[in-house]
Protein backbone atom coordinates (compact mmCIF):
# COMPACT_ATOMS: atom_id res chain seq x y z
CA MET A 1 -0.10 -0.15 0.10
CA LEU A 2 2.91 2.61 1.21
CA ASN A 3 4.53 1.75 -1.97
CA PHE A 4 1.54 2.35 -4.13
CA ILE A 5 1.17 5.83 -2.71
CA SER A 6 4.95 6.63 -2.58
CA LYS A 7 5.71 5.88 -6.20
CA PRO A 8 3.37 8.28 -7.62
CA PHE A 9 4.44 10.84 -4.81
CA HIS A 10 8.03 10.51 -5.88
CA LEU A 11 7.38 10.70 -9.90
CA ILE A 12 5.55 13.80 -9.34
CA GLN A 13 8.42 15.05 -6.95
CA SER A 14 10.78 14.36 -9.61
CA ARG A 15 8.75 16.61 -12.42
CA VAL A 16 8.50 19.39 -9.62
CA ASP A 17 12.17 19.15 -8.78
CA SER A 18 13.01 19.74 -12.38
CA VAL A 19 11.36 23.52 -12.33
CA GLY A 20 12.88 26.30 -10.78
CA MET A 21 11.47 27.56 -7.48
CA TYR A 22 10.33 30.81 -8.63
CA ARG A 23 9.06 29.49 -12.02
CA MET A 24 7.10 27.21 -9.92
CA VAL A 25 5.42 29.65 -7.96
CA SER A 26 4.75 32.17 -10.48
CA GLY A 27 3.68 29.24 -13.08
CA THR A 28 0.82 28.01 -10.29
CA LEU A 29 -0.23 31.58 -9.32
CA GLY A 30 -0.90 32.14 -13.24
CA VAL A 31 -2.74 28.70 -13.36
CA LEU A 32 -5.12 29.87 -10.60
CA ALA A 33 -5.28 33.48 -12.07
CA GLY A 34 -6.25 31.85 -15.37
CA LEU A 35 -8.66 29.53 -13.68
CA SER A 36 -10.28 32.60 -11.64
CA ILE A 37 -10.65 34.55 -14.78
CA PHE A 38 -12.20 31.71 -16.58
CA PHE A 39 -14.51 31.07 -13.75
CA GLY A 40 -15.24 34.60 -13.59
CA PHE A 41 -16.51 34.80 -17.44
CA ILE A 42 -18.72 31.96 -16.81
CA GLY A 43 -20.36 33.18 -13.52
CA LEU A 44 -18.90 30.77 -11.22
CA ILE A 45 -17.34 33.39 -8.85
CA PRO A 46 -18.79 36.84 -8.23
CA TYR A 47 -15.83 38.91 -9.87
CA SER A 48 -16.20 39.34 -13.73
CA GLY A 49 -13.54 38.10 -15.85
CA LEU A 50 -13.33 41.33 -17.34
CA SER A 51 -12.69 43.19 -13.91
CA GLN A 52 -10.18 40.23 -13.30
CA VAL A 53 -8.26 40.88 -16.40
CA PHE A 54 -8.07 44.55 -16.05
CA SER A 55 -6.94 44.63 -12.49
CA LEU A 56 -4.47 41.65 -12.92
CA THR A 57 -2.74 43.78 -16.05
CA LEU A 58 -2.58 46.67 -13.83
CA ALA A 59 -1.00 44.78 -11.04
CA LEU A 60 1.59 43.49 -13.36
CA PHE A 61 2.16 46.46 -14.89
CA THR A 62 3.16 48.62 -11.97
CA ALA A 63 5.03 45.93 -10.66
CA LEU A 64 7.46 45.54 -13.62
CA LEU A 65 7.47 49.33 -13.80
CA VAL A 66 8.37 49.79 -10.10
CA ASN A 67 11.16 47.19 -10.48
CA VAL A 68 12.64 48.57 -13.48
CA ILE A 69 12.89 52.06 -11.91
CA PHE A 70 14.21 50.84 -8.70
CA SER A 71 16.93 48.70 -10.35
CA PHE A 72 18.05 51.17 -12.85
CA VAL A 73 18.19 53.95 -10.14
CA LEU A 74 20.20 51.87 -7.64
CA LYS A 75 21.84 49.77 -10.33
CA ILE A 76 20.96 46.65 -8.71
CA PRO A 77 20.05 43.52 -10.85
CA ALA A 78 16.25 43.04 -11.28
CA ASN A 79 14.52 39.62 -10.48
CA HIS A 80 11.34 40.39 -12.61
CA GLU A 81 10.08 37.10 -11.82
CA SER A 82 9.95 38.02 -8.19
CA ALA A 83 8.07 41.19 -8.88
CA VAL A 84 5.63 39.12 -10.92
CA ILE A 85 4.90 36.94 -8.10
CA THR A 86 4.21 39.88 -5.64
CA ALA A 87 1.65 41.23 -8.30
CA LEU A 88 0.09 38.01 -8.78
CA ILE A 89 -0.17 37.56 -4.71
CA LEU A 90 -2.00 41.01 -4.15
CA PHE A 91 -3.95 40.47 -7.25
CA PHE A 92 -5.79 37.47 -5.13
CA LEU A 93 -5.99 40.14 -2.07
CA ALA A 94 -7.87 42.95 -3.42
CA LEU A 95 -11.34 42.77 -5.29
CA PRO A 96 -10.92 43.15 -8.74
CA GLU A 97 -12.33 46.24 -10.33
CA GLU A 98 -12.92 47.30 -13.87
CA ASN A 99 -12.47 51.20 -13.14
CA ILE A 100 -8.87 52.49 -12.91
CA PHE A 101 -9.76 54.64 -10.20
CA ASN A 102 -11.21 51.83 -7.98
CA THR A 103 -8.14 49.66 -8.67
CA TRP A 104 -5.74 52.44 -7.03
CA PRO A 105 -5.32 49.96 -3.78
CA LEU A 106 -4.19 47.16 -5.39
CA MET A 107 -1.80 49.40 -7.60
CA ALA A 108 -0.37 51.07 -4.46
CA ALA A 109 0.07 47.82 -2.54
CA VAL A 110 2.03 46.53 -5.55
CA ALA A 111 4.35 49.42 -5.46
CA ILE A 112 4.76 49.40 -1.82
CA GLY A 113 5.66 45.97 -2.10
CA VAL A 114 8.06 45.75 -4.68
CA ALA A 115 9.74 49.06 -3.49
CA SER A 116 10.15 47.82 -0.05
CA LYS A 117 12.61 44.65 -1.24
CA TYR A 118 15.12 47.68 -2.17
CA ILE A 119 14.30 50.06 0.34
CA ILE A 120 13.60 48.31 3.79
CA ALA A 121 16.73 45.93 3.37
CA TYR A 122 19.42 44.73 5.99
CA LYS A 123 22.68 44.22 4.14
CA LYS A 124 21.22 44.61 0.81
CA GLN A 125 18.45 41.78 1.45
CA HIS A 126 14.99 42.53 2.41
CA PHE A 127 13.52 40.89 5.62
CA LEU A 128 9.78 41.48 5.34
CA ASN A 129 7.39 39.77 3.00
CA PRO A 130 6.82 42.16 0.13
CA ALA A 131 3.30 41.23 -0.59
CA ALA A 132 2.14 41.34 3.11
CA LEU A 133 3.76 44.54 3.54
CA GLY A 134 2.17 46.52 0.59
CA ALA A 135 -1.33 45.29 1.70
CA ALA A 136 -0.42 45.74 5.54
CA ALA A 137 0.87 49.29 4.55
CA LEU A 138 -3.13 50.06 2.97
CA SER A 139 -4.93 47.95 5.75
CA VAL A 140 -3.38 49.17 9.24
CA THR A 141 -3.81 52.78 8.42
CA GLY A 142 -7.53 52.12 7.65
CA VAL A 143 -7.00 53.13 3.67
CA TYR A 144 -8.22 49.87 2.09
CA SER A 145 -9.51 46.51 3.72
CA PHE A 146 -8.16 43.43 1.65
CA SER A 147 -10.72 40.56 1.19
CA TRP A 148 -8.64 37.68 0.33
CA TRP A 149 -11.08 36.66 -2.33
CA VAL A 150 -8.86 34.08 -3.49
CA ALA A 151 -10.73 32.22 -0.68
CA ASN A 152 -13.68 30.71 -1.89
CA PRO A 153 -15.16 27.60 -2.69
CA VAL A 154 -14.81 27.41 -6.21
CA MET A 155 -10.98 28.27 -5.89
CA PHE A 156 -10.62 25.50 -3.00
CA ILE A 157 -9.49 22.53 -5.16
CA PRO A 158 -7.04 24.59 -7.74
CA LEU A 159 -5.51 26.56 -4.41
CA LEU A 160 -4.82 23.10 -2.51
CA LEU A 161 -3.29 21.30 -5.82
CA CYS A 162 -1.25 24.40 -6.80
CA GLY A 163 -0.37 24.95 -3.24
CA ILE A 164 1.10 21.56 -2.67
CA LEU A 165 3.25 21.51 -5.56
CA VAL A 166 4.77 24.85 -4.51
CA VAL A 167 5.37 23.32 -1.19
CA MET A 168 6.65 20.00 -2.49
CA LYS A 169 9.18 22.28 -4.66
CA VAL A 170 10.49 24.13 -1.21
CA ARG A 171 10.12 21.22 1.19
CA LYS A 172 8.65 23.94 3.94
CA TRP A 173 5.93 21.36 5.56
CA VAL A 174 7.09 22.45 8.53
CA PRO A 175 6.35 25.90 9.04
CA VAL A 176 3.39 25.25 6.36
CA LEU A 177 1.79 22.72 8.65
CA GLY A 178 2.40 24.61 11.66
CA LEU A 179 0.58 27.65 10.34
CA ILE A 180 -2.59 25.43 9.35
CA GLY A 181 -2.47 23.84 12.29
CA VAL A 182 -2.10 26.70 15.12
CA SER A 183 -4.56 28.33 12.80
CA LEU A 184 -7.03 25.68 12.88
CA LEU A 185 -7.33 25.30 16.31
CA VAL A 186 -7.48 28.94 17.44
CA TYR A 187 -9.88 29.38 14.75
CA LEU A 188 -12.06 26.63 16.02
CA ALA A 189 -11.70 27.32 19.63
CA GLU A 190 -12.90 30.91 18.65
CA SER A 191 -15.72 29.77 16.57
CA VAL A 192 -17.07 27.32 19.06
CA SER A 193 -17.05 29.81 21.99
CA TYR A 194 -19.48 31.98 19.62
CA GLY A 195 -21.65 29.26 19.01
CA THR A 196 -20.49 27.83 15.69
CA ALA A 197 -20.71 24.32 15.11
CA ALA A 198 -17.64 22.39 14.59
CA THR A 199 -18.65 21.34 11.35
CA ASP A 200 -19.62 24.53 10.04
CA ALA A 201 -16.42 26.14 11.36
CA LEU A 202 -14.25 23.55 9.72
CA ARG A 203 -15.98 23.74 6.14
CA THR A 204 -15.70 27.55 6.55
CA PHE A 205 -11.91 27.30 7.31
CA PHE A 206 -10.73 25.48 4.59
CA ILE A 207 -12.75 26.65 2.16
CA SER A 208 -13.61 30.29 2.66
CA TRP A 209 -10.62 31.10 4.89
CA PRO A 210 -7.58 32.99 3.53
CA THR A 211 -4.95 30.30 5.69
CA LEU A 212 -4.23 28.13 2.86
CA PHE A 213 -3.07 30.91 0.47
CA LEU A 214 -1.27 32.53 3.01
CA ALA A 215 0.29 29.35 4.08
CA PHE A 216 1.09 28.03 0.49
CA TYR A 217 2.29 31.46 -1.02
CA MET A 218 3.38 33.97 1.15
CA LEU A 219 4.71 32.13 4.57
CA THR A 220 6.80 30.28 2.17
CA GLU A 221 8.52 33.11 0.78
CA PRO A 222 12.47 32.05 1.02
CA PHE A 223 13.91 35.74 1.94
CA THR A 224 11.99 36.07 5.13
CA MET A 225 11.97 32.26 6.46
CA PRO A 226 13.99 31.36 9.30
CA ALA A 227 16.93 29.31 8.23
CA GLU A 228 16.05 25.74 10.24
CA LYS A 229 13.18 23.56 11.37
CA GLY A 230 12.77 24.46 14.95
CA PRO A 231 12.56 28.27 14.24
CA GLN A 232 10.37 27.75 10.97
CA PHE A 233 7.88 25.77 12.94
CA LEU A 234 7.59 28.72 15.63
CA TYR A 235 7.46 31.18 12.75
CA GLY A 236 4.38 29.32 11.16
CA GLY A 237 2.84 28.65 14.18
CA LEU A 238 3.21 32.66 15.32
CA VAL A 239 1.62 33.84 11.97
CA GLY A 240 -1.26 31.44 12.54
CA PHE A 241 -1.91 32.26 15.83
CA LEU A 242 -1.79 36.07 15.44
CA SER A 243 -3.81 35.97 11.90
CA ASN A 244 -6.83 34.05 13.77
CA THR A 245 -7.10 35.16 17.36
CA SER A 246 -9.27 37.96 18.68
CA LEU A 247 -7.32 38.41 22.27
CA PHE A 248 -6.06 41.82 20.68
CA VAL A 249 -9.12 43.37 19.18
CA GLY A 250 -9.49 46.13 21.42
CA PHE A 251 -5.82 47.31 20.72
CA ILE A 252 -5.03 46.03 16.86
CA SER A 253 -6.56 43.77 14.33
CA PHE A 254 -4.22 41.24 13.11
CA SER A 255 -5.08 40.75 9.17
CA PRO A 256 -3.22 38.07 7.88
CA GLU A 257 -0.97 40.18 6.02
CA LEU A 258 -0.02 42.30 9.37
CA ALA A 259 0.25 38.70 11.31
CA LEU A 260 2.85 37.77 8.64
CA VAL A 261 4.73 41.32 8.63
CA VAL A 262 4.88 41.10 12.66
CA ALA A 263 6.22 37.50 12.52
CA ASN A 264 8.95 38.16 9.74
CA ALA A 265 10.12 41.30 12.39
CA VAL A 266 9.72 38.69 15.54
CA MET A 267 11.81 36.18 14.06
CA LEU A 268 14.42 38.38 12.54
CA PRO A 269 17.29 37.12 14.80
CA SER A 270 16.65 33.77 13.88
CA ARG A 271 17.16 34.39 10.18
CA LEU A 272 19.47 37.50 9.99
CA ARG A 273 21.45 37.07 6.33
CA GLN A 274 22.87 39.22 4.14
CA LYS A 275 22.95 39.51 0.10
CA LEU A 276 26.64 38.45 -0.64
CA PHE A 277 28.33 40.07 -3.79
CA LEU A 278 31.07 37.74 -4.61
CA THR A 279 33.96 37.71 -6.92
CA LEU A 280 35.38 34.40 -8.62
CA GLU A 281 38.81 33.66 -7.74
CA GLU A 282 39.37 30.53 -8.84
CA LYS A 283 37.60 27.64 -10.82
CA ARG A 284 39.07 24.33 -11.33
CA LEU A 285 38.26 20.62 -12.38
CA ILE A 286 38.22 18.55 -9.19
CA ALA A 287 36.97 15.18 -10.94
CA LYS A 288 35.37 14.30 -14.33
CA ASP A 289 32.64 16.68 -14.82
CA THR A 290 32.77 18.39 -11.74
CA TYR A 291 33.79 21.95 -11.26
CA GLU A 292 34.83 23.88 -7.91
CA PHE A 293 34.03 27.70 -7.92
CA VAL A 294 36.12 29.46 -5.29
CA PHE A 295 35.20 32.89 -4.02
CA LYS A 296 36.45 34.82 -1.19
CA LYS A 297 34.36 34.96 2.08
CA PRO A 298 33.24 38.35 2.60
CA GLN A 299 33.95 40.00 5.91
CA GLY A 300 31.39 39.07 8.66
CA PHE A 301 29.82 36.17 6.61
CA SER A 302 29.17 32.90 8.91
CA TYR A 303 27.30 29.86 7.78
CA LYS A 304 27.40 26.32 9.63
CA SER A 305 28.86 23.04 7.78
CA GLY A 306 26.37 21.45 5.70
CA GLN A 307 24.13 24.68 4.95
CA TYR A 308 23.35 26.13 1.26
CA LEU A 309 22.76 29.48 -0.42
CA GLU A 310 20.82 30.68 -3.36
CA TRP A 311 23.67 31.81 -6.44
CA MET A 312 21.97 34.18 -8.78
CA LEU A 313 23.61 34.19 -12.14
CA PRO A 314 21.93 36.43 -14.67
CA HIS A 315 22.41 35.33 -18.12
CA LEU A 316 20.53 35.63 -21.67
CA ASN A 317 17.44 33.28 -22.56
CA PRO A 318 17.53 31.06 -19.25
CA ASP A 319 15.83 27.64 -19.27
CA SER A 320 12.98 26.88 -17.23
CA LYS A 321 15.07 26.68 -14.14
CA GLY A 322 15.59 30.60 -14.19
CA ILE A 323 18.72 32.51 -13.26
CA ARG A 324 19.15 30.89 -9.65
CA ARG A 325 20.19 27.98 -7.96
CA TYR A 326 20.82 26.44 -4.66
CA PHE A 327 24.14 24.69 -3.92
CA THR A 328 25.45 23.69 -0.65
CA ILE A 329 28.56 25.29 0.40
CA ALA A 330 31.64 22.71 0.06
CA SER A 331 33.85 24.56 2.23
CA SER A 332 34.26 24.87 5.80
CA PRO A 333 33.32 27.77 7.97
CA THR A 334 36.67 27.76 9.04
CA GLU A 335 38.04 28.57 5.74
CA ASP A 336 38.67 32.02 4.29
CA ARG A 337 37.05 30.87 1.05
CA ILE A 338 33.93 29.93 0.18
CA ARG A 339 33.84 26.78 -2.39
CA VAL A 340 30.88 25.79 -4.44
CA ALA A 341 31.02 22.61 -6.46
CA MET A 342 28.62 21.32 -8.89
CA LYS A 343 28.39 18.66 -11.94
CA ILE A 344 28.64 20.32 -15.57
CA THR A 345 27.97 17.84 -18.52
CA ASP A 346 27.58 18.11 -22.12
CA ASN A 347 23.89 18.65 -22.05
CA ALA A 348 23.84 20.81 -19.06
CA SER A 349 21.27 23.94 -18.27
CA THR A 350 21.98 27.47 -19.33
CA TYR A 351 22.73 28.16 -15.77
CA LYS A 352 25.76 25.75 -15.84
CA GLU A 353 26.77 26.36 -19.01
CA MET A 354 26.96 30.29 -18.16
CA ILE A 355 28.77 29.51 -14.99
CA LYS A 356 31.14 26.97 -16.66
CA THR A 357 32.45 30.00 -18.80
CA LEU A 358 32.94 32.75 -16.25
CA ASP A 359 36.14 34.58 -15.91
CA VAL A 360 37.78 35.12 -13.05
CA ALA A 361 36.79 38.33 -11.00
CA HIS A 362 33.13 37.80 -12.58
CA PRO A 363 30.87 38.86 -10.03
CA VAL A 364 28.14 36.35 -8.55
CA ILE A 365 25.51 36.96 -6.07
CA ALA A 366 24.55 34.88 -3.16
CA SER A 367 21.94 34.96 -0.42
CA GLN A 368 19.16 32.89 1.38
CA LEU A 369 21.54 31.06 3.51
CA ALA A 370 19.61 27.82 5.05
CA GLY A 371 19.69 24.34 5.77
CA ASP A 372 19.66 22.03 8.90
CA PHE A 373 21.81 19.22 7.55
CA LEU A 374 24.02 19.89 10.40
CA LEU A 375 26.43 17.99 12.55
CA PRO A 376 25.26 16.84 15.88
CA LYS A 377 26.79 18.94 18.85
CA ASP A 378 27.68 15.81 20.87
CA THR A 379 31.16 14.57 19.54
CA ASN A 380 30.50 11.39 20.97
CA ALA A 381 27.98 10.57 18.24
CA LYS A 382 29.18 8.48 15.83
CA LEU A 383 28.07 9.62 11.98
CA ALA A 384 27.70 7.62 8.79
CA PHE A 385 27.57 9.65 5.45
CA ILE A 386 26.22 8.40 2.22
CA ALA A 387 26.84 10.59 -0.74
CA GLY A 388 25.55 10.53 -4.47
CA GLY A 389 27.87 12.03 -7.10
CA ILE A 390 27.98 15.84 -6.39
CA GLY A 391 25.80 15.18 -2.98
CA VAL A 392 29.51 14.66 -1.23
CA THR A 393 29.63 18.63 -1.19
CA PRO A 394 27.95 18.91 2.54
CA PHE A 395 30.20 16.22 3.70
CA SER A 396 33.28 17.84 2.27
CA SER A 397 32.27 21.03 4.54
CA HIS A 398 31.51 18.62 7.44
CA THR A 399 34.63 16.86 7.16
CA LYS A 400 36.83 19.85 6.61
CA TRP A 401 35.27 21.52 9.60
CA MET A 402 35.88 18.57 11.90
CA LEU A 403 39.53 18.48 10.71
CA ASP A 404 40.06 22.38 11.40
CA SER A 405 38.20 22.56 14.55
CA GLY A 406 39.78 19.65 16.34
CA LYS A 407 35.83 18.31 17.31
CA PRO A 408 35.91 15.28 14.88
CA HIS A 409 32.98 12.32 15.15
CA ASP A 410 33.95 8.76 14.59
CA THR A 411 32.55 8.96 10.97
CA THR A 412 32.18 6.17 7.86
CA LEU A 413 31.57 7.95 4.13
CA TYR A 414 30.11 6.03 1.58
CA TYR A 415 30.97 7.90 -1.64
CA CYS A 416 28.74 6.58 -4.53
CA VAL A 417 29.75 7.20 -8.21
CA ASN A 418 29.53 5.66 -11.40
CA THR A 419 33.40 5.44 -11.98
CA VAL A 420 36.68 6.03 -9.91
CA SER A 421 37.39 9.49 -12.06
CA GLU A 422 34.05 10.96 -10.62
CA LEU A 423 35.60 10.89 -7.17
CA ALA A 424 36.35 14.28 -5.62
CA TYR A 425 38.21 15.58 -2.32
CA GLU A 426 39.99 12.58 -2.09
CA ASP A 427 42.99 15.05 -0.10
CA ILE A 428 40.27 15.55 2.33
CA TRP A 429 39.22 12.15 3.23
CA SER A 430 42.98 11.09 3.25
CA GLU A 431 43.61 13.78 5.86
CA ALA A 432 41.00 12.84 7.79
CA ALA A 433 41.37 9.24 7.98
CA ARG A 434 45.34 10.20 9.07
CA THR A 435 44.06 12.54 11.82
CA PHE A 436 40.66 10.76 13.56
CA THR A 437 38.62 7.74 13.01
CA PHE A 438 37.07 8.41 9.39
CA SER A 439 36.64 5.47 7.47
CA TYR A 440 36.13 6.13 3.52
CA VAL A 441 34.36 3.63 1.21
CA PRO A 442 33.97 4.69 -2.58
CA VAL A 443 31.24 2.61 -3.87
CA VAL A 444 31.64 2.41 -7.72
CA ALA A 445 28.87 1.14 -10.12
CA LYS A 446 29.76 1.03 -13.56
CA GLU A 447 33.74 0.07 -13.09
CA GLU A 448 35.83 -2.85 -11.99
CA VAL A 449 37.46 -1.93 -8.89
CA VAL A 450 39.46 -3.72 -6.12
CA ALA A 451 39.50 -3.67 -2.45
CA PRO A 452 39.02 -1.27 -0.33
CA TYR A 453 36.74 0.16 -2.97
CA GLU A 454 33.33 -1.35 -3.42
CA LYS A 455 31.87 -2.29 -6.77
CA GLY A 456 27.98 -1.96 -7.47
CA TYR A 457 25.54 -0.12 -5.09
CA ILE A 458 25.07 -0.23 -1.29
CA THR A 459 23.37 -3.01 0.19
CA ALA A 460 22.44 -4.42 3.56
CA ASP A 461 25.36 -6.63 3.67
CA MET A 462 27.74 -4.21 2.47
CA ILE A 463 26.69 -1.73 5.60
CA LYS A 464 26.62 -4.58 8.09
CA ARG A 465 30.43 -5.49 6.86
CA ARG A 466 31.92 -2.15 6.57
CA THR A 467 30.11 -0.81 9.25
CA PRO A 468 29.16 -3.41 11.74
CA ASP A 469 27.99 -1.01 14.34
CA TYR A 470 25.67 0.67 12.06
CA LEU A 471 22.86 1.00 14.31
CA GLU A 472 24.71 3.24 16.86
CA ARG A 473 25.30 5.80 14.09
CA ILE A 474 23.26 8.55 12.69
CA TRP A 475 23.03 8.25 9.08
CA TYR A 476 23.08 11.48 6.70
CA LEU A 477 22.10 11.17 2.93
CA SER A 478 23.00 13.50 0.24
CA GLY A 479 22.11 13.23 -3.55
CA PRO A 480 19.89 12.64 -6.06
CA PRO A 481 16.18 12.30 -4.57
CA GLY A 482 15.73 8.79 -6.19
CA MET A 483 18.77 7.56 -4.39
CA VAL A 484 18.16 9.57 -0.87
CA ASN A 485 14.57 7.85 -1.19
CA ALA A 486 16.01 4.35 -2.22
CA TYR A 487 18.88 4.22 0.74
CA GLU A 488 16.45 5.51 3.22
CA ARG A 489 14.40 2.88 2.82
CA LEU A 490 17.21 0.21 3.07
CA LEU A 491 18.46 1.46 6.22
CA LYS A 492 14.95 1.32 7.86
CA GLU A 493 14.75 -2.11 6.47
CA ILE A 494 17.66 -3.01 8.55
CA GLY A 495 16.54 -1.61 11.53
CA VAL A 496 17.85 2.26 11.57
CA ASN A 497 15.56 4.17 13.50
CA GLY A 498 14.18 7.02 11.13
CA SER A 499 15.26 9.56 13.89
CA HIS A 500 18.83 8.57 13.14
CA ILE A 501 18.27 9.20 9.45
CA LYS A 502 18.95 12.78 8.40
CA THR A 503 18.47 13.71 4.21
CA ASP A 504 19.70 16.58 2.85
CA PHE A 505 17.71 18.79 0.83
CA PHE A 506 17.70 22.20 -0.87
CA PRO A 507 15.30 23.95 -3.30
CA GLY A 508 17.63 23.18 -6.63
CA ALA A 509 17.57 19.74 -5.82
């Protein structure tokens, strides 16, 4: 039964992962807008198709115009897809109008939201959700009250399906479920206290309440999201509580947009980050089709081994994944350089084709430091790493950090590749084996090898033979999603507790 469900899920997940994050968000919002306009024309929702087309056109025009102006004046690369997303979100919050004079609140909110990314920034990085801030600026001052009309029964199924695709892409189930769960509890408690039947309250909450849209499309905005799961859950829960409670009605009414902005501000210490303007110092081939790019680490920038960054590289005619990718930092926090590695084959994406041809001194913008694929604090904990191909980069960072910090763990590394020529960072593994208890097991699938190499794929027998104390270890898995899923199942089949298995993910997977 589980296999019957998991196979379609993993198939959908692989398709979702093939699309860039921004493209997934803008694309699904576009689908929702198209369906809503269609429903308007056939009379299924109370807002005409013509009024929706008019409002959406003005919202998009305003977003792009403001984005171009601020980008030109401040000489900052513009991300037009981000501006389009802000416009699409706010389109679903303000009632559609056919009269341009009645559409000004939507245009004003869009303009404020897009402009805020340039004006309200810390270390050249915005920290408040643009769409929420644009709406809150008008609602808090009493200028305009946003209706969140996207929350209606006809749009429920499309919103649910599109929203799930977005969350599958960004893997932010923890904060999303935190928001929905807390929202539901508070909403039900208050509804029942006012005499509403629980069944009626449940129906209203899921079909006609703004929580789902808030969770799927606004809470998950990456720049305003805490980096690790614990703070992410608190963040989602805080938004859920503030957006549904009536405790503060005598003082202030928390609209969903205001709740999100306040949570952004409250959680700022847990996600304080900056936009990095990095200059390429060196690029080198470190294994077959695997390149490492080395940048000087900016003053004051810190991170934890195993975390990742979003790397923006504008280029002409980008493919469906766009101009941004997420790559794990391959270097240790102890180094004065930031290293990132990637596999670049002949049929590479336009992004990888561009980065492969970069000249030394070329600037690259990095941001959105995140990830909780972190080492345990207790150095007595035994570890086992399983890396698939370029998924070895977090283990390069972890191992180099253990070497430099003098805080090693008893560690076994299984490094899975097709041929020996694809093995990277051999110098780090050799130094680790000389310095502390570190066992290196290269697993080569498509080439004959001799011991201590292993031929084929990791099996239960191999794990029991090469790591007899495997049940005592915390297992870290990083690589292609299919490989990670397969080895996670294998580990559970041989008795490894699920709480002792950590899998790596970043939105560019």
